[in-house]
Amino acid sequence: MYVLVKARLASMQELKEVYTLDEALKLFALYEMDNDVEAGRLEEIKAGGDSR
């Protein structure tokens, strides 16, 4: 859950007092999916730039 704190998506206090474990894990999964989509977009941009 340190990743959520480091990414400033939640504070440690929020993770302990506000979110359930299930909610925190869903937030982490959404964060990871967003990172994956961003990485895919960057790869597409790089691939498109090389072929020109």
PDB file of N, CA and C in Angstrom:
ATOM      1  N   MET A   1       0.809  -1.196   0.000  1.00  0.00           N
ATOM      2  CA  MET A   1       0.000   0.000   0.000  1.00  0.00           C
ATOM      3  C   MET A   1       0.855   1.264   0.000  1.00  0.00           C
ATOM      4  N   TYR A   2       2.169   1.064   0.209  1.00  0.00           N
ATOM      5  CA  TYR A   2       3.085   2.201   0.164  1.00  0.00           C
ATOM      6  C   TYR A   2       3.006   2.907  -1.176  1.00  0.00           C
ATOM      7  N   VAL A   3       2.747   2.166  -2.237  1.00  0.00           N
ATOM      8  CA  VAL A   3       2.662   2.751  -3.580  1.00  0.00           C
ATOM      9  C   VAL A   3       1.551   3.794  -3.633  1.00  0.00           C
ATOM     10  N   LEU A   4       0.429   3.524  -2.989  1.00  0.00           N
ATOM     11  CA  LEU A   4      -0.686   4.482  -2.991  1.00  0.00           C
ATOM     12  C   LEU A   4      -0.309   5.760  -2.261  1.00  0.00           C
ATOM     13  N   VAL A   5       0.437   5.623  -1.174  1.00  0.00           N
ATOM     14  CA  VAL A   5       0.878   6.799  -0.427  1.00  0.00           C
ATOM     15  C   VAL A   5       1.899   7.576  -1.256  1.00  0.00           C
ATOM     16  N   LYS A   6       2.852   6.868  -1.855  1.00  0.00           N
ATOM     17  CA  LYS A   6       3.888   7.512  -2.657  1.00  0.00           C
ATOM     18  C   LYS A   6       3.291   8.233  -3.861  1.00  0.00           C
ATOM     19  N   ALA A   7       2.266   7.648  -4.476  1.00  0.00           N
ATOM     20  CA  ALA A   7       1.604   8.264  -5.623  1.00  0.00           C
ATOM     21  C   ALA A   7       0.632   9.360  -5.199  1.00  0.00           C
ATOM     22  N   ARG A   8       0.519   9.583  -3.916  1.00  0.00           N
ATOM     23  CA  ARG A   8      -0.377  10.593  -3.329  1.00  0.00           C
ATOM     24  C   ARG A   8      -1.847  10.348  -3.668  1.00  0.00           C
ATOM     25  N   LEU A   9      -2.195   9.066  -3.761  1.00  0.00           N
ATOM     26  CA  LEU A   9      -3.595   8.711  -3.969  1.00  0.00           C
ATOM     27  C   LEU A   9      -4.327   8.563  -2.649  1.00  0.00           C
ATOM     28  N   ALA A  10      -3.579   8.282  -1.604  1.00  0.00           N
ATOM     29  CA  ALA A  10      -4.164   8.146  -0.273  1.00  0.00           C
ATOM     30  C   ALA A  10      -3.068   8.352   0.760  1.00  0.00           C
ATOM     31  N   SER A  11      -3.444   8.848   1.912  1.00  0.00           N
ATOM     32  CA  SER A  11      -2.476   8.970   3.000  1.00  0.00           C
ATOM     33  C   SER A  11      -2.488   7.673   3.804  1.00  0.00           C
ATOM     34  N   MET A  12      -1.448   7.476   4.585  1.00  0.00           N
ATOM     35  CA  MET A  12      -1.395   6.275   5.415  1.00  0.00           C
ATOM     36  C   MET A  12      -2.558   6.278   6.402  1.00  0.00           C
ATOM     37  N   GLN A  13      -2.911   7.433   6.904  1.00  0.00           N
ATOM     38  CA  GLN A  13      -4.036   7.538   7.822  1.00  0.00           C
ATOM     39  C   GLN A  13      -5.330   7.104   7.135  1.00  0.00           C
ATOM     40  N   GLU A  14      -5.532   7.555   5.885  1.00  0.00           N
ATOM     41  CA  GLU A  14      -6.727   7.144   5.139  1.00  0.00           C
ATOM     42  C   GLU A  14      -6.756   5.633   4.949  1.00  0.00           C
ATOM     43  N   LEU A  15      -5.614   5.055   4.589  1.00  0.00           N
ATOM     44  CA  LEU A  15      -5.570   3.613   4.364  1.00  0.00           C
ATOM     45  C   LEU A  15      -5.898   2.842   5.631  1.00  0.00           C
ATOM     46  N   LYS A  16      -5.487   3.375   6.775  1.00  0.00           N
ATOM     47  CA  LYS A  16      -5.739   2.688   8.044  1.00  0.00           C
ATOM     48  C   LYS A  16      -7.159   2.911   8.559  1.00  0.00           C
ATOM     49  N   GLU A  17      -7.692   4.120   8.364  1.00  0.00           N
ATOM     50  CA  GLU A  17      -8.943   4.485   9.024  1.00  0.00           C
ATOM     51  C   GLU A  17     -10.153   4.597   8.102  1.00  0.00           C
ATOM     52  N   VAL A  18      -9.950   4.875   6.818  1.00  0.00           N
ATOM     53  CA  VAL A  18     -11.073   5.160   5.932  1.00  0.00           C
ATOM     54  C   VAL A  18     -11.379   3.986   5.007  1.00  0.00           C
ATOM     55  N   TYR A  19     -10.348   3.475   4.348  1.00  0.00           N
ATOM     56  CA  TYR A  19     -10.546   2.429   3.354  1.00  0.00           C
ATOM     57  C   TYR A  19     -10.525   1.047   3.983  1.00  0.00           C
ATOM     58  N   THR A  20     -11.366   0.173   3.468  1.00  0.00           N
ATOM     59  CA  THR A  20     -11.242  -1.236   3.824  1.00  0.00           C
ATOM     60  C   THR A  20     -10.109  -1.809   2.976  1.00  0.00           C
ATOM     61  N   LEU A  21      -9.644  -2.980   3.316  1.00  0.00           N
ATOM     62  CA  LEU A  21      -8.584  -3.608   2.540  1.00  0.00           C
ATOM     63  C   LEU A  21      -9.039  -3.818   1.103  1.00  0.00           C
ATOM     64  N   ASP A  22     -10.279  -4.223   0.930  1.00  0.00           N
ATOM     65  CA  ASP A  22     -10.819  -4.446  -0.410  1.00  0.00           C
ATOM     66  C   ASP A  22     -10.798  -3.158  -1.228  1.00  0.00           C
ATOM     67  N   GLU A  23     -11.207  -2.062  -0.632  1.00  0.00           N
ATOM     68  CA  GLU A  23     -11.211  -0.771  -1.331  1.00  0.00           C
ATOM     69  C   GLU A  23      -9.793  -0.323  -1.669  1.00  0.00           C
ATOM     70  N   ALA A  24      -8.873  -0.517  -0.752  1.00  0.00           N
ATOM     71  CA  ALA A  24      -7.488  -0.133  -1.002  1.00  0.00           C
ATOM     72  C   ALA A  24      -6.895  -0.968  -2.132  1.00  0.00           C
ATOM     73  N   LEU A  25      -7.205  -2.247  -2.164  1.00  0.00           N
ATOM     74  CA  LEU A  25      -6.703  -3.106  -3.232  1.00  0.00           C
ATOM     75  C   LEU A  25      -7.303  -2.724  -4.583  1.00  0.00           C
ATOM     76  N   LYS A  26      -8.568  -2.328  -4.603  1.00  0.00           N
ATOM     77  CA  LYS A  26      -9.192  -1.865  -5.840  1.00  0.00           C
ATOM     78  C   LYS A  26      -8.536  -0.569  -6.314  1.00  0.00           C
ATOM     79  N   LEU A  27      -8.250   0.333  -5.393  1.00  0.00           N
ATOM     80  CA  LEU A  27      -7.574   1.579  -5.735  1.00  0.00           C
ATOM     81  C   LEU A  27      -6.192   1.285  -6.317  1.00  0.00           C
ATOM     82  N   PHE A  28      -5.479   0.339  -5.719  1.00  0.00           N
ATOM     83  CA  PHE A  28      -4.167  -0.048  -6.218  1.00  0.00           C
ATOM     84  C   PHE A  28      -4.283  -0.655  -7.615  1.00  0.00           C
ATOM     85  N   ALA A  29      -5.289  -1.503  -7.833  1.00  0.00           N
ATOM     86  CA  ALA A  29      -5.481  -2.125  -9.149  1.00  0.00           C
ATOM     87  C   ALA A  29      -5.775  -1.065 -10.209  1.00  0.00           C
ATOM     88  N   LEU A  30      -6.594  -0.085  -9.879  1.00  0.00           N
ATOM     89  CA  LEU A  30      -6.885   1.000 -10.821  1.00  0.00           C
ATOM     90  C   LEU A  30      -5.628   1.805 -11.132  1.00  0.00           C
ATOM     91  N   TYR A  31      -4.816   2.044 -10.130  1.00  0.00           N
ATOM     92  CA  TYR A  31      -3.564   2.769 -10.315  1.00  0.00           C
ATOM     93  C   TYR A  31      -2.641   1.989 -11.250  1.00  0.00           C
ATOM     94  N   GLU A  32      -2.521   0.681 -11.031  1.00  0.00           N
ATOM     95  CA  GLU A  32      -1.669  -0.155 -11.878  1.00  0.00           C
ATOM     96  C   GLU A  32      -2.199  -0.202 -13.314  1.00  0.00           C
ATOM     97  N   MET A  33      -3.511  -0.316 -13.488  1.00  0.00           N
ATOM     98  CA  MET A  33      -4.082  -0.332 -14.838  1.00  0.00           C
ATOM     99  C   MET A  33      -3.808   0.985 -15.551  1.00  0.00           C
ATOM    100  N   ASP A  34      -3.919   2.089 -14.845  1.00  0.00           N
ATOM    101  CA  ASP A  34      -3.633   3.394 -15.435  1.00  0.00           C
ATOM    102  C   ASP A  34      -2.175   3.472 -15.878  1.00  0.00           C
ATOM    103  N   ASN A  35      -1.271   2.954 -15.062  1.00  0.00           N
ATOM    104  CA  ASN A  35       0.150   2.929 -15.439  1.00  0.00           C
ATOM    105  C   ASN A  35       0.380   2.065 -16.669  1.00  0.00           C
ATOM    106  N   ASP A  36      -0.295   0.930 -16.747  1.00  0.00           N
ATOM    107  CA  ASP A  36      -0.155   0.044 -17.904  1.00  0.00           C
ATOM    108  C   ASP A  36      -0.658   0.710 -19.180  1.00  0.00           C
ATOM    109  N   VAL A  37      -1.783   1.398 -19.099  1.00  0.00           N
ATOM    110  CA  VAL A  37      -2.336   2.100 -20.261  1.00  0.00           C
ATOM    111  C   VAL A  37      -1.377   3.192 -20.710  1.00  0.00           C
ATOM    112  N   GLU A  38      -0.836   3.923 -19.757  1.00  0.00           N
ATOM    113  CA  GLU A  38       0.115   4.987 -20.081  1.00  0.00           C
ATOM    114  C   GLU A  38       1.360   4.415 -20.760  1.00  0.00           C
ATOM    115  N   ALA A  39       1.862   3.303 -20.259  1.00  0.00           N
ATOM    116  CA  ALA A  39       3.037   2.664 -20.868  1.00  0.00           C
ATOM    117  C   ALA A  39       2.719   2.195 -22.286  1.00  0.00           C
ATOM    118  N   GLY A  40       1.524   1.658 -22.495  1.00  0.00           N
ATOM    119  CA  GLY A  40       1.115   1.230 -23.829  1.00  0.00           C
ATOM    120  C   GLY A  40       1.037   2.391 -24.800  1.00  0.00           C
ATOM    121  N   ARG A  41       0.521   3.503 -24.342  1.00  0.00           N
ATOM    122  CA  ARG A  41       0.447   4.696 -25.193  1.00  0.00           C
ATOM    123  C   ARG A  41       1.835   5.179 -25.577  1.00  0.00           C
ATOM    124  N   LEU A  42       2.749   5.171 -24.616  1.00  0.00           N
ATOM    125  CA  LEU A  42       4.109   5.603 -24.917  1.00  0.00           C
ATOM    126  C   LEU A  42       4.775   4.679 -25.928  1.00  0.00           C
ATOM    127  N   GLU A  43       4.532   3.378 -25.814  1.00  0.00           N
ATOM    128  CA  GLU A  43       5.078   2.428 -26.778  1.00  0.00           C
ATOM    129  C   GLU A  43       4.518   2.673 -28.177  1.00  0.00           C
ATOM    130  N   GLU A  44       3.221   2.960 -28.257  1.00  0.00           N
ATOM    131  CA  GLU A  44       2.607   3.252 -29.553  1.00  0.00           C
ATOM    132  C   GLU A  44       3.197   4.516 -30.165  1.00  0.00           C
ATOM    133  N   ILE A  45       3.421   5.512 -29.350  1.00  0.00           N
ATOM    134  CA  ILE A  45       4.001   6.768 -29.841  1.00  0.00           C
ATOM    135  C   ILE A  45       5.420   6.514 -30.347  1.00  0.00           C
ATOM    136  N   LYS A  46       6.199   5.753 -29.595  1.00  0.00           N
ATOM    137  CA  LYS A  46       7.575   5.447 -29.999  1.00  0.00           C
ATOM    138  C   LYS A  46       7.581   4.631 -31.293  1.00  0.00           C
ATOM    139  N   ALA A  47       6.699   3.656 -31.404  1.00  0.00           N
ATOM    140  CA  ALA A  47       6.642   2.817 -32.594  1.00  0.00           C
ATOM    141  C   ALA A  47       6.218   3.641 -33.811  1.00  0.00           C
ATOM    142  N   GLY A  48       5.287   4.529 -33.619  1.00  0.00           N
ATOM    143  CA  GLY A  48       4.834   5.380 -34.724  1.00  0.00           C
ATOM    144  C   GLY A  48       5.897   6.366 -35.148  1.00  0.00           C
ATOM    145  N   GLY A  49       6.692   6.849 -34.218  1.00  0.00           N
ATOM    146  CA  GLY A  49       7.747   7.796 -34.535  1.00  0.00           C
ATOM    147  C   GLY A  49       8.903   7.165 -35.272  1.00  0.00           C
ATOM    148  N   ASP A  50       9.180   5.883 -35.008  1.00  0.00           N
ATOM    149  CA  ASP A  50      10.292   5.192 -35.641  1.00  0.00           C
ATOM    150  C   ASP A  50       9.999   4.840 -37.093  1.00  0.00           C
ATOM    151  N   SER A  51       8.732   4.627 -37.438  1.00  0.00           N
ATOM    152  CA  SER A  51       8.398   4.179 -38.782  1.00  0.00           C
ATOM    153  C   SER A  51       8.305   5.316 -39.790  1.00  0.00           C
ATOM    154  N   ARG A  52       8.400   6.533 -39.353  1.00  0.00           N
ATOM    155  CA  ARG A  52       8.276   7.686 -40.262  1.00  0.00           C
ATOM    156  C   ARG A  52       9.535   8.057 -40.915  1.00  0.00           C
TER     157      ARG A  52
END
